[in-house]
Amino acid sequence: MSLEDQINIILDDFENATPEKIFDILNQIKPLFKNELISEYLQGKMQKIQDSVDEQDKKKQCKALLPYFDWYVQGL
């Protein structure tokens, strides 16, 4: 399954996506950004979410990262 297919599955059914799966996809997208600052910013956001102990809070914060999926699908 391609990365784009995985992204579309999560975008279509976000409620059933795990934070771990979202992070896995984001880690595949990060190296593709043309600006290193964007990758570093994304890494910081991901680390903050991973450090959270509340699973519902993780899910809520992951939703804020979905624009990165949109950027990938639209061609970065």
Protein backbone atom coordinates (compact mmCIF):
# COMPACT_ATOMS: atom_id res chain seq x y z
CA MET A 1 0.00 0.00 0.00
CA SER A 2 1.39 3.35 -0.98
CA LEU A 3 1.97 6.20 1.44
CA GLU A 4 -0.76 8.19 -0.27
CA ASP A 5 -3.21 5.29 0.22
CA GLN A 6 -2.33 5.10 3.91
CA ILE A 7 -2.85 8.85 4.28
CA ASN A 8 -6.22 8.71 2.54
CA ILE A 9 -7.36 5.89 4.82
CA ILE A 10 -6.52 7.97 7.88
CA LEU A 11 -8.11 11.09 6.43
CA ASP A 12 -11.28 9.13 5.65
CA ASP A 13 -11.46 7.41 9.04
CA PHE A 14 -9.48 9.52 11.50
CA GLU A 15 -11.45 8.31 14.53
CA ASN A 16 -10.08 4.79 14.13
CA ALA A 17 -6.48 5.80 13.41
CA THR A 18 -3.99 5.32 16.21
CA PRO A 19 -1.51 8.04 17.13
CA GLU A 20 1.26 5.53 16.42
CA LYS A 21 0.06 5.02 12.84
CA ILE A 22 -0.23 8.79 12.37
CA PHE A 23 3.34 9.25 13.67
CA ASP A 24 4.59 6.47 11.39
CA ILE A 25 3.21 8.27 8.36
CA LEU A 26 4.47 11.66 9.52
CA ASN A 27 7.96 10.19 9.96
CA GLN A 28 7.83 9.10 6.32
CA ILE A 29 6.69 12.56 5.20
CA LYS A 30 9.19 14.60 7.27
CA PRO A 31 12.24 14.04 5.04
CA LEU A 32 10.31 15.23 2.00
CA PHE A 33 9.84 18.80 3.20
CA LYS A 34 12.05 21.27 1.37
CA ASN A 35 12.63 23.33 4.50
CA GLU A 36 14.46 21.73 7.44
CA LEU A 37 12.68 24.07 9.86
CA ILE A 38 9.33 22.51 8.96
CA SER A 39 10.70 19.03 9.68
CA GLU A 40 12.14 20.18 13.00
CA TYR A 41 8.89 21.90 13.98
CA LEU A 42 6.91 18.78 13.11
CA GLN A 43 9.30 16.62 15.12
CA GLY A 44 8.83 18.89 18.14
CA LYS A 45 5.04 18.71 17.85
CA MET A 46 5.16 14.94 17.54
CA GLN A 47 7.42 14.63 20.59
CA LYS A 48 5.06 16.77 22.66
CA ILE A 49 2.15 14.53 21.71
CA GLN A 50 4.13 11.36 22.41
CA ASP A 51 5.04 12.67 25.86
CA SER A 52 1.36 13.08 26.74
CA VAL A 53 -0.09 10.29 28.88
CA ASP A 54 -3.75 10.92 28.05
CA GLU A 55 -4.76 8.96 24.95
CA GLN A 56 -7.72 11.23 24.18
CA ASP A 57 -5.43 14.26 24.38
CA LYS A 58 -3.00 12.57 21.99
CA LYS A 59 -5.80 11.96 19.52
CA LYS A 60 -6.99 15.56 19.78
CA GLN A 61 -3.48 16.91 19.20
CA CYS A 62 -2.90 14.50 16.30
CA LYS A 63 -5.89 16.03 14.54
CA ALA A 64 -3.93 19.31 14.39
CA LEU A 65 -1.24 17.50 12.37
CA LEU A 66 -3.58 16.44 9.55
CA PRO A 67 -2.64 19.42 7.34
CA TYR A 68 0.74 17.71 6.82
CA PHE A 69 -1.16 14.80 5.26
CA ASP A 70 -3.04 17.22 3.02
CA TRP A 71 0.25 18.83 1.94
CA TYR A 72 1.67 15.46 0.98
CA VAL A 73 -1.40 14.45 -1.00
CA GLN A 74 -1.40 17.82 -2.79
CA GLY A 75 2.25 17.44 -3.73
CA LEU A 76 4.12 19.17 -0.87
